[in-house]
């Protein structure tokens, strides 16, 4: 009876529905996440922290930016638990709702001038809610795609939720650019910055509608036919798949460091130390994000012939890029555009297959928890501290050390890739191999 229900649902979810549902949700989530990142550089230091020390206010604002990454593992554990026990669909709806409510609340917060330090605390609390939601969204969106994918197309399907990152960034950066041009400086800081946060409510409602119209993933339903869900997924993950989790974290590391150096750090450093205007630098970033988007489908197609090999080559290129990042960044406008274009194209190449790679190293019964937790912990190590650490390195030792920081992260990611096996030929519905049993078959 249950098998026949699976077969009937197989015909209700078309590829177009699956891919659009995975793309729209991740786009909204990343849009919400990035508008905070942009505002943490351009707005929050002035409005939510004491104005007498701009440098300290900037660092405090970047610290609240990092809070979301600390919340991600908790979101991954909570949403992963329910996603692995009760299904991907419902869990994704709740994760998107959590992110949306937190984002809209930021747009309604009173500022430091109105309520003092309480404004900073409320901002941090809302940022925590954003991280909690994204901790459950990313892994579920990837699983929605790859667990419904035809054979030999998992990397291609898994690329669609990844496209949500550049699309969300283009939307967030575009909105702030338009507001900067349409409004005076007083209008922008008076009310304009709030508009993207409040308007995200419309996008969230659209995403929820799309998510509610789809059925559960085929792989998860078939797994339920074979056996009962794991009672406590996170416990089983640490007991039986700890090495896979560690490898997944390191595989994600360079991706996080690269992206947040190319977006948050460059925006902060470019509009302060290098003297670019807010509008000019945002326009440069929006142009270079197109290279990010272009790299994603290229690497996804290549990864259908071997995920691990593609990731290794891209990681080596990222490590090399770290040595030329600083000279390009300080070579004028053209150098800055080229630097961010190269960095974001490499980001696209590593980002495209990343969700598929991380998801495939875990069995179905733990896949939501495992992939989400690996991604989230890597976010703490690679992203939450990247803008803060890079700013400190640049001020203390020079911009070149920011590039060396990226190269070291690439070296760690390469070691992680050496520790995983190739998974392109695995059957997700039946695979329950542990990381240890498959590790011996790893090959270049």
Protein backbone atom coordinates (compact mmCIF):
# COMPACT_ATOMS: atom_id res chain seq x y z
CA UNK A 1 0.00 0.00 0.00
CA UNK A 2 2.77 2.42 0.96
CA UNK A 3 4.74 1.52 -2.18
CA UNK A 4 1.75 2.27 -4.35
CA UNK A 5 1.41 5.64 -2.62
CA UNK A 6 5.04 6.36 -3.44
CA UNK A 7 4.45 5.53 -7.07
CA UNK A 8 1.42 7.83 -7.21
CA UNK A 9 3.36 10.66 -5.66
CA UNK A 10 6.17 10.05 -8.12
CA UNK A 11 3.89 11.42 -10.85
CA UNK A 12 2.71 14.45 -8.86
CA UNK A 13 6.14 16.02 -8.38
CA UNK A 14 7.48 17.07 -11.76
CA UNK A 15 11.17 17.97 -12.14
CA UNK A 16 10.13 21.58 -12.64
CA UNK A 17 8.27 21.62 -9.32
CA UNK A 18 11.14 20.00 -7.46
CA UNK A 19 13.83 22.29 -8.83
CA UNK A 20 11.76 25.45 -8.42
CA UNK A 21 10.84 24.56 -4.84
CA UNK A 22 14.49 23.92 -3.93
CA UNK A 23 15.64 27.09 -5.71
CA UNK A 24 12.99 29.53 -4.44
CA UNK A 25 13.41 28.57 -0.80
CA UNK A 26 17.20 28.80 -0.81
CA UNK A 27 17.05 32.11 -2.73
CA UNK A 28 14.78 33.61 -0.07
CA UNK A 29 16.89 32.27 2.76
CA UNK A 30 20.12 33.62 1.27
CA UNK A 31 18.47 36.95 0.44
CA UNK A 32 17.44 37.31 4.09
CA UNK A 33 20.89 36.26 5.24
CA UNK A 34 22.76 38.62 2.90
CA UNK A 35 20.72 41.72 3.58
CA UNK A 36 21.89 41.35 7.15
CA UNK A 37 25.49 40.92 5.98
CA UNK A 38 25.29 44.09 3.88
CA UNK A 39 23.56 46.05 6.63
CA UNK A 40 26.12 44.84 9.20
CA UNK A 41 28.72 46.84 7.26
CA UNK A 42 26.71 49.81 5.98
CA UNK A 43 23.97 50.40 8.59
CA UNK A 44 24.16 48.61 11.93
CA UNK A 45 27.50 50.08 13.16
CA UNK A 46 25.90 53.54 12.98
CA UNK A 47 22.40 52.73 14.27
CA UNK A 48 22.66 49.86 16.75
CA UNK A 49 25.94 50.56 18.55
CA UNK A 50 27.56 53.56 20.27
CA UNK A 51 28.64 56.14 17.68
CA UNK A 52 31.65 57.51 19.60
CA UNK A 53 34.05 54.81 18.32
CA UNK A 54 33.35 53.83 14.67
CA UNK A 55 36.03 51.10 14.59
CA UNK A 56 34.65 49.38 17.70
CA UNK A 57 31.09 49.70 16.39
CA UNK A 58 32.11 48.04 13.12
CA UNK A 59 33.74 45.14 14.95
CA UNK A 60 30.69 44.79 17.23
CA UNK A 61 28.39 44.73 14.21
CA UNK A 62 30.53 42.06 12.54
CA UNK A 63 30.36 40.09 15.79
CA UNK A 64 26.54 40.04 15.59
CA UNK A 65 26.95 38.89 11.99
CA UNK A 66 28.87 35.90 13.39
CA UNK A 67 26.07 34.98 15.83
CA UNK A 68 24.02 33.37 13.05
CA UNK A 69 26.81 30.92 12.34
CA UNK A 70 26.89 29.92 16.00
CA UNK A 71 23.15 29.29 15.80
CA UNK A 72 23.37 27.21 12.64
CA UNK A 73 24.54 23.94 14.29
CA UNK A 74 21.66 24.16 16.75
CA UNK A 75 19.26 24.70 13.85
CA UNK A 76 20.91 21.82 11.99
CA UNK A 77 20.47 19.51 15.00
CA UNK A 78 16.83 20.50 15.61
CA UNK A 79 15.61 20.59 12.02
CA UNK A 80 17.85 17.66 11.04
CA UNK A 81 16.24 15.56 13.78
CA UNK A 82 12.74 16.20 12.49
CA UNK A 83 13.81 16.05 8.85
CA UNK A 84 15.35 12.60 9.30
CA UNK A 85 12.49 11.26 11.44
CA UNK A 86 9.38 12.82 9.93
CA UNK A 87 10.31 14.07 6.48
CA UNK A 88 12.01 16.82 4.50
CA UNK A 89 8.94 18.75 3.36
CA UNK A 90 7.39 19.81 6.69
CA UNK A 91 10.77 20.56 8.20
CA UNK A 92 11.64 22.86 5.32
CA UNK A 93 8.42 24.81 5.79
CA UNK A 94 9.19 25.42 9.48
CA UNK A 95 12.82 26.36 8.75
CA UNK A 96 11.77 28.93 6.16
CA UNK A 97 9.19 30.38 8.56
CA UNK A 98 11.80 30.74 11.31
CA UNK A 99 14.15 32.60 9.00
CA UNK A 100 11.38 34.84 7.65
CA UNK A 101 10.00 35.91 11.04
CA UNK A 102 13.49 36.77 12.30
CA UNK A 103 14.27 38.85 9.21
CA UNK A 104 11.03 40.86 9.27
CA UNK A 105 11.54 41.54 12.99
CA UNK A 106 14.94 43.15 12.26
CA UNK A 107 13.22 45.65 9.99
CA UNK A 108 10.95 46.74 12.87
CA UNK A 109 13.59 47.10 15.61
CA UNK A 110 14.13 50.39 17.43
CA UNK A 111 17.70 51.74 17.23
CA UNK A 112 20.39 52.42 19.82
CA UNK A 113 19.33 56.06 20.05
CA UNK A 114 15.83 54.97 21.13
CA UNK A 115 16.44 52.17 23.63
CA UNK A 116 20.22 52.00 24.05
CA UNK A 117 22.00 48.70 24.51
CA UNK A 118 18.72 46.78 24.35
CA UNK A 119 18.65 47.51 20.61
CA UNK A 120 21.97 45.70 20.21
CA UNK A 121 20.65 42.71 22.17
CA UNK A 122 17.44 42.49 20.12
CA UNK A 123 19.45 42.69 16.92
CA UNK A 124 21.65 39.82 18.11
CA UNK A 125 18.55 37.78 19.06
CA UNK A 126 17.01 38.22 15.60
CA UNK A 127 20.32 37.31 13.99
CA UNK A 128 20.33 34.14 16.10
CA UNK A 129 16.89 33.31 14.70
CA UNK A 130 18.18 33.79 11.16
CA UNK A 131 20.99 31.34 11.81
CA UNK A 132 18.60 28.84 13.40
CA UNK A 133 16.41 28.87 10.28
CA UNK A 134 19.26 28.65 7.78
CA UNK A 135 20.75 25.77 9.78
CA UNK A 136 17.72 23.72 8.77
CA UNK A 137 17.03 25.22 5.34
CA UNK A 138 20.19 24.53 3.36
CA UNK A 139 20.46 20.79 3.99
CA UNK A 140 16.76 20.24 3.38
CA UNK A 141 16.75 22.21 0.12
CA UNK A 142 19.67 20.16 -1.21
CA UNK A 143 17.99 16.89 -0.20
CA UNK A 144 14.75 17.99 -1.82
CA UNK A 145 16.67 18.21 -5.08
CA UNK A 146 19.08 15.25 -5.01
CA UNK A 147 16.66 12.76 -3.40
CA UNK A 148 14.26 13.38 -6.28
CA UNK A 149 16.97 13.39 -8.96
CA UNK A 150 17.19 10.79 -11.77
CA UNK A 151 20.24 8.55 -11.90
CA UNK A 152 23.40 10.32 -13.05
CA UNK A 153 21.86 13.77 -12.52
CA UNK A 154 22.22 14.28 -8.77
CA UNK A 155 24.98 16.88 -9.06
CA UNK A 156 22.92 18.79 -11.64
CA UNK A 157 19.77 18.73 -9.50
CA UNK A 158 21.82 19.54 -6.40
CA UNK A 159 23.08 22.65 -8.18
CA UNK A 160 19.67 24.37 -8.16
CA UNK A 161 19.47 25.15 -4.42
CA UNK A 162 23.08 26.33 -4.69
CA UNK A 163 21.99 28.88 -7.29
CA UNK A 164 19.95 30.47 -4.52
CA UNK A 165 23.17 31.94 -3.09
CA UNK A 166 24.12 34.20 -6.05
CA UNK A 167 20.47 34.98 -6.74
CA UNK A 168 19.89 35.98 -3.13
CA UNK A 169 23.03 38.09 -3.18
CA UNK A 170 22.02 39.82 -6.42
CA UNK A 171 18.62 40.63 -4.93
CA UNK A 172 20.03 41.90 -1.64
CA UNK A 173 22.85 43.90 -3.19
CA UNK A 174 20.55 45.27 -5.87
CA UNK A 175 18.02 46.44 -3.31
CA UNK A 176 20.63 48.26 -1.24
CA UNK A 177 22.14 49.78 -4.38
CA UNK A 178 18.77 51.13 -5.53
CA UNK A 179 17.98 52.49 -2.08
CA UNK A 180 21.36 54.20 -1.94
CA UNK A 181 20.62 55.91 -5.26
CA UNK A 182 16.94 56.76 -4.75
CA UNK A 183 17.15 58.03 -1.17
CA UNK A 184 19.22 60.70 0.48
CA UNK A 185 21.69 59.60 3.12
CA UNK A 186 19.34 60.74 5.90
CA UNK A 187 16.40 58.90 4.32
CA UNK A 188 18.45 55.74 3.88
CA UNK A 189 19.51 55.65 7.53
CA UNK A 190 16.13 56.93 8.71
CA UNK A 191 13.89 54.30 7.13
CA UNK A 192 15.27 53.04 3.81
CA UNK A 193 17.46 50.30 5.27
CA UNK A 194 14.36 48.73 6.86
CA UNK A 195 12.54 48.16 3.57
CA UNK A 196 14.45 45.01 2.42
CA UNK A 197 13.87 43.32 5.79
CA UNK A 198 10.16 44.12 5.84
CA UNK A 199 9.67 43.25 2.16
CA UNK A 200 11.13 39.79 2.70
CA UNK A 201 7.75 38.82 4.20
CA UNK A 202 6.28 38.72 0.68
CA UNK A 203 9.06 36.44 -0.55
CA UNK A 204 8.70 34.13 2.44
CA UNK A 205 4.96 33.73 1.83
CA UNK A 206 5.69 32.84 -1.80
CA UNK A 207 8.28 30.28 -0.72
CA UNK A 208 5.93 28.73 1.81
CA UNK A 209 3.20 28.36 -0.80
CA UNK A 210 5.58 26.58 -3.20
CA UNK A 211 6.93 24.31 -0.46
CA UNK A 212 3.44 23.31 0.69
CA UNK A 213 2.44 22.15 -2.81
CA UNK A 214 5.17 19.49 -3.16
CA UNK A 215 5.25 15.91 -1.88
CA UNK A 216 7.90 14.21 0.26
CA UNK A 217 11.14 13.13 -1.45
CA UNK A 218 11.10 9.68 -3.04
CA UNK A 219 14.30 8.49 -1.37
CA UNK A 220 12.98 9.31 2.10
CA UNK A 221 9.65 7.58 1.46
CA UNK A 222 11.40 4.47 0.16
CA UNK A 223 13.69 4.50 3.20
CA UNK A 224 10.62 4.44 5.45
CA UNK A 225 9.40 1.32 3.63
CA UNK A 226 12.70 -0.44 4.31
CA UNK A 227 13.08 0.44 8.00
CA UNK A 228 11.99 2.73 10.83
CA UNK A 229 13.67 6.14 11.16
CA UNK A 230 16.59 6.45 13.58
CA UNK A 231 15.23 7.49 16.98
CA UNK A 232 17.99 10.03 17.74
CA UNK A 233 19.80 10.94 14.50
CA UNK A 234 22.43 13.22 16.05
CA UNK A 235 23.53 10.54 18.52
CA UNK A 236 23.84 7.94 15.77
CA UNK A 237 25.72 10.45 13.63
CA UNK A 238 28.42 11.05 16.22
CA UNK A 239 28.69 7.37 17.20
CA UNK A 240 28.82 5.82 13.73
CA UNK A 241 29.72 8.57 11.27
CA UNK A 242 32.00 10.91 13.18
CA UNK A 243 34.78 10.71 10.62
CA UNK A 244 32.37 11.52 7.81
CA UNK A 245 31.16 14.55 9.77
CA UNK A 246 34.72 15.77 10.32
CA UNK A 247 35.55 15.30 6.65
CA UNK A 248 32.38 17.13 5.63
CA UNK A 249 33.28 20.10 7.83
CA UNK A 250 36.76 20.46 6.36
CA UNK A 251 35.47 20.00 2.79
CA UNK A 252 33.21 23.05 3.30
CA UNK A 253 35.82 25.21 5.02
CA UNK A 254 37.53 26.99 2.09
CA UNK A 255 34.17 27.66 0.43
CA UNK A 256 32.98 29.65 3.43
CA UNK A 257 36.21 31.57 3.90
CA UNK A 258 36.40 32.49 0.21
CA UNK A 259 32.82 33.70 -0.06
CA UNK A 260 32.78 35.89 3.01
CA UNK A 261 36.14 37.40 2.13
CA UNK A 262 34.81 38.25 -1.34
CA UNK A 263 31.59 39.78 -0.01
CA UNK A 264 31.56 41.07 3.57
CA UNK A 265 35.28 41.72 4.10
CA UNK A 266 35.88 43.33 0.70
CA UNK A 267 32.81 45.55 1.14
CA UNK A 268 34.01 46.67 4.57
CA UNK A 269 37.66 47.18 3.56
CA UNK A 270 36.83 48.68 0.18
CA UNK A 271 34.44 51.32 1.58
CA UNK A 272 36.78 52.28 4.44
CA UNK A 273 40.49 51.66 3.87
CA UNK A 274 40.36 51.91 0.07
CA UNK A 275 37.89 54.79 -0.09
CA UNK A 276 35.24 53.40 -2.47
CA UNK A 277 31.73 54.83 -2.19
CA UNK A 278 28.97 52.52 -1.02
CA UNK A 279 27.15 52.62 -4.36
CA UNK A 280 30.25 52.05 -6.47
CA UNK A 281 31.45 49.07 -4.49
CA UNK A 282 28.01 47.44 -4.39
CA UNK A 283 27.78 47.82 -8.16
CA UNK A 284 31.20 46.18 -8.57
CA UNK A 285 30.16 43.30 -6.34
CA UNK A 286 26.89 42.79 -8.20
CA UNK A 287 28.77 42.54 -11.47
CA UNK A 288 31.24 40.01 -10.07
CA UNK A 289 28.49 37.86 -8.52
CA UNK A 290 27.52 36.99 -12.10
CA UNK A 291 30.80 35.05 -12.26
CA UNK A 292 29.76 33.24 -9.09
CA UNK A 293 26.48 32.22 -10.74
CA UNK A 294 28.27 31.16 -13.95
CA UNK A 295 30.64 28.82 -12.13
CA UNK A 296 27.90 26.80 -10.42
CA UNK A 297 26.40 24.95 -13.45
CA UNK A 298 29.86 24.43 -14.98
CA UNK A 299 31.14 22.59 -11.92
CA UNK A 300 27.86 20.69 -11.50
CA UNK A 301 28.17 19.28 -15.03
CA UNK A 302 31.79 18.34 -14.43
CA UNK A 303 30.91 16.75 -11.10
CA UNK A 304 28.59 14.25 -12.77
CA UNK A 305 31.81 12.54 -13.90
CA UNK A 306 33.40 12.67 -10.45
CA UNK A 307 32.64 15.00 -7.55
CA UNK A 308 35.87 14.53 -5.64
CA UNK A 309 38.24 15.21 -8.55
CA UNK A 310 36.48 18.48 -9.45
CA UNK A 311 36.53 19.70 -5.85
CA UNK A 312 40.23 18.91 -5.50
CA UNK A 313 41.25 20.89 -8.58
CA UNK A 314 39.13 23.88 -7.58
CA UNK A 315 40.51 23.81 -4.05
CA UNK A 316 44.07 23.94 -5.41
CA UNK A 317 43.10 26.98 -7.49
CA UNK A 318 41.60 28.68 -4.43
CA UNK A 319 44.84 28.10 -2.52
CA UNK A 320 46.82 29.72 -5.33
CA UNK A 321 44.39 32.63 -5.56
CA UNK A 322 45.19 33.52 -1.95
CA UNK A 323 48.68 34.62 -3.03
CA UNK A 324 47.46 37.11 -5.65
CA UNK A 325 44.37 38.42 -3.86
CA UNK A 326 46.02 41.37 -2.06
CA UNK A 327 48.03 42.74 -5.03
CA UNK A 328 44.92 42.72 -7.22
CA UNK A 329 42.72 44.29 -4.52
CA UNK A 330 45.05 47.28 -4.21
CA UNK A 331 45.59 47.76 -7.97
CA UNK A 332 42.77 50.26 -8.44
CA UNK A 333 39.19 49.74 -9.57
CA UNK A 334 40.03 47.36 -12.40
CA UNK A 335 42.21 45.24 -10.13
CA UNK A 336 39.49 45.06 -7.49
CA UNK A 337 36.88 44.00 -10.07
CA UNK A 338 39.22 41.34 -11.46
CA UNK A 339 40.10 40.09 -7.99
CA UNK A 340 36.48 39.67 -6.92
CA UNK A 341 35.55 38.21 -10.31
CA UNK A 342 38.20 35.50 -10.04
CA UNK A 343 37.39 34.80 -6.40
CA UNK A 344 33.65 34.54 -6.97
CA UNK A 345 34.07 32.39 -10.08
CA UNK A 346 36.16 29.98 -8.01
CA UNK A 347 33.45 30.21 -5.38
CA UNK A 348 30.89 29.09 -7.97
CA UNK A 349 33.08 26.18 -9.00
CA UNK A 350 33.40 24.87 -5.45
CA UNK A 351 29.83 25.78 -4.44
CA UNK A 352 28.06 24.01 -7.32
CA UNK A 353 28.75 20.38 -6.29
CA UNK A 354 29.29 21.05 -2.57
CA UNK A 355 25.74 20.24 -1.43
CA UNK A 356 25.72 17.00 -3.39
CA UNK A 357 29.16 15.97 -2.13
CA UNK A 358 28.31 16.59 1.53
CA UNK A 359 24.89 14.93 1.32
CA UNK A 360 26.11 11.78 -0.41
CA UNK A 361 28.61 10.83 2.29
CA UNK A 362 25.79 10.18 4.78
CA UNK A 363 23.10 7.44 4.69
CA UNK A 364 19.45 8.43 4.14
CA UNK A 365 18.45 7.94 7.78
CA UNK A 366 21.01 10.56 8.90
CA UNK A 367 21.46 12.63 5.75
CA UNK A 368 19.51 15.73 6.81
CA UNK A 369 21.28 15.90 10.18
CA UNK A 370 24.73 14.99 8.86
CA UNK A 371 24.86 17.33 5.89
CA UNK A 372 23.27 20.25 7.78
CA UNK A 373 25.56 19.86 10.77
CA UNK A 374 28.72 19.59 8.65
CA UNK A 375 27.72 22.69 6.71
CA UNK A 376 26.81 24.61 9.87
CA UNK A 377 29.95 23.81 11.85
CA UNK A 378 32.05 24.72 8.82
CA UNK A 379 30.17 28.02 8.82
CA UNK A 380 31.38 28.75 12.36
CA UNK A 381 34.98 27.92 11.50
CA UNK A 382 35.08 29.34 7.99
CA UNK A 383 32.49 32.11 7.72
CA UNK A 384 31.51 33.57 11.08
CA UNK A 385 35.05 34.63 11.89
CA UNK A 386 36.21 35.38 8.35
CA UNK A 387 35.25 39.09 8.12
CA UNK A 388 36.44 39.79 11.68
CA UNK A 389 39.67 37.78 11.34
CA UNK A 390 40.47 39.24 7.93
CA UNK A 391 39.94 42.79 9.20
CA UNK A 392 42.24 42.12 12.15
CA UNK A 393 44.90 40.51 9.94
CA UNK A 394 44.79 43.35 7.41
CA UNK A 395 45.12 46.02 10.10
CA UNK A 396 47.78 44.18 12.10
CA UNK A 397 49.97 42.58 9.44
CA UNK A 398 48.83 43.81 6.05
CA UNK A 399 46.36 42.77 3.36
CA UNK A 400 48.62 39.98 2.09
CA UNK A 401 47.95 37.95 5.22
CA UNK A 402 44.24 37.87 4.37
CA UNK A 403 45.20 35.96 1.22
CA UNK A 404 47.43 33.60 3.21
CA UNK A 405 44.47 32.98 5.53
CA UNK A 406 42.47 31.83 2.50
CA UNK A 407 45.30 29.59 1.28
CA UNK A 408 45.55 27.86 4.66
CA UNK A 409 41.81 27.18 4.62
CA UNK A 410 42.16 25.68 1.12
CA UNK A 411 44.92 23.37 2.36
CA UNK A 412 42.63 22.10 5.14
CA UNK A 413 39.80 21.54 2.66
CA UNK A 414 42.13 19.57 0.38
CA UNK A 415 42.98 17.29 3.32
CA UNK A 416 39.26 16.77 3.91
CA UNK A 417 38.75 15.81 0.27
CA UNK A 418 41.55 13.26 0.56
CA UNK A 419 39.55 11.60 3.34
CA UNK A 420 36.26 11.05 1.49
CA UNK A 421 35.34 8.55 -1.19
CA UNK A 422 33.81 9.13 -4.62
CA UNK A 423 30.02 8.84 -4.36
CA UNK A 424 28.73 9.55 -7.87
CA UNK A 425 27.68 5.92 -8.44
CA UNK A 426 26.02 5.36 -5.04
CA UNK A 427 22.32 4.53 -4.79
CA UNK A 428 20.94 6.99 -2.24
CA UNK A 429 17.86 4.89 -1.52
CA UNK A 430 19.81 1.79 -0.50
CA UNK A 431 23.21 3.10 0.55
CA UNK A 432 23.84 2.82 4.28
CA UNK A 433 27.57 2.35 4.17
CA UNK A 434 29.57 3.98 6.89
CA UNK A 435 32.27 6.46 6.04
CA UNK A 436 34.88 4.02 7.28
CA UNK A 437 33.82 1.16 5.00
CA UNK A 438 33.81 3.36 1.94
CA UNK A 439 36.95 5.30 2.70
CA UNK A 440 39.26 2.59 1.44
CA UNK A 441 37.81 3.01 -2.08
CA UNK A 442 38.65 6.71 -2.29
CA UNK A 443 40.57 7.53 -5.45
CA UNK A 444 41.61 10.49 -7.54
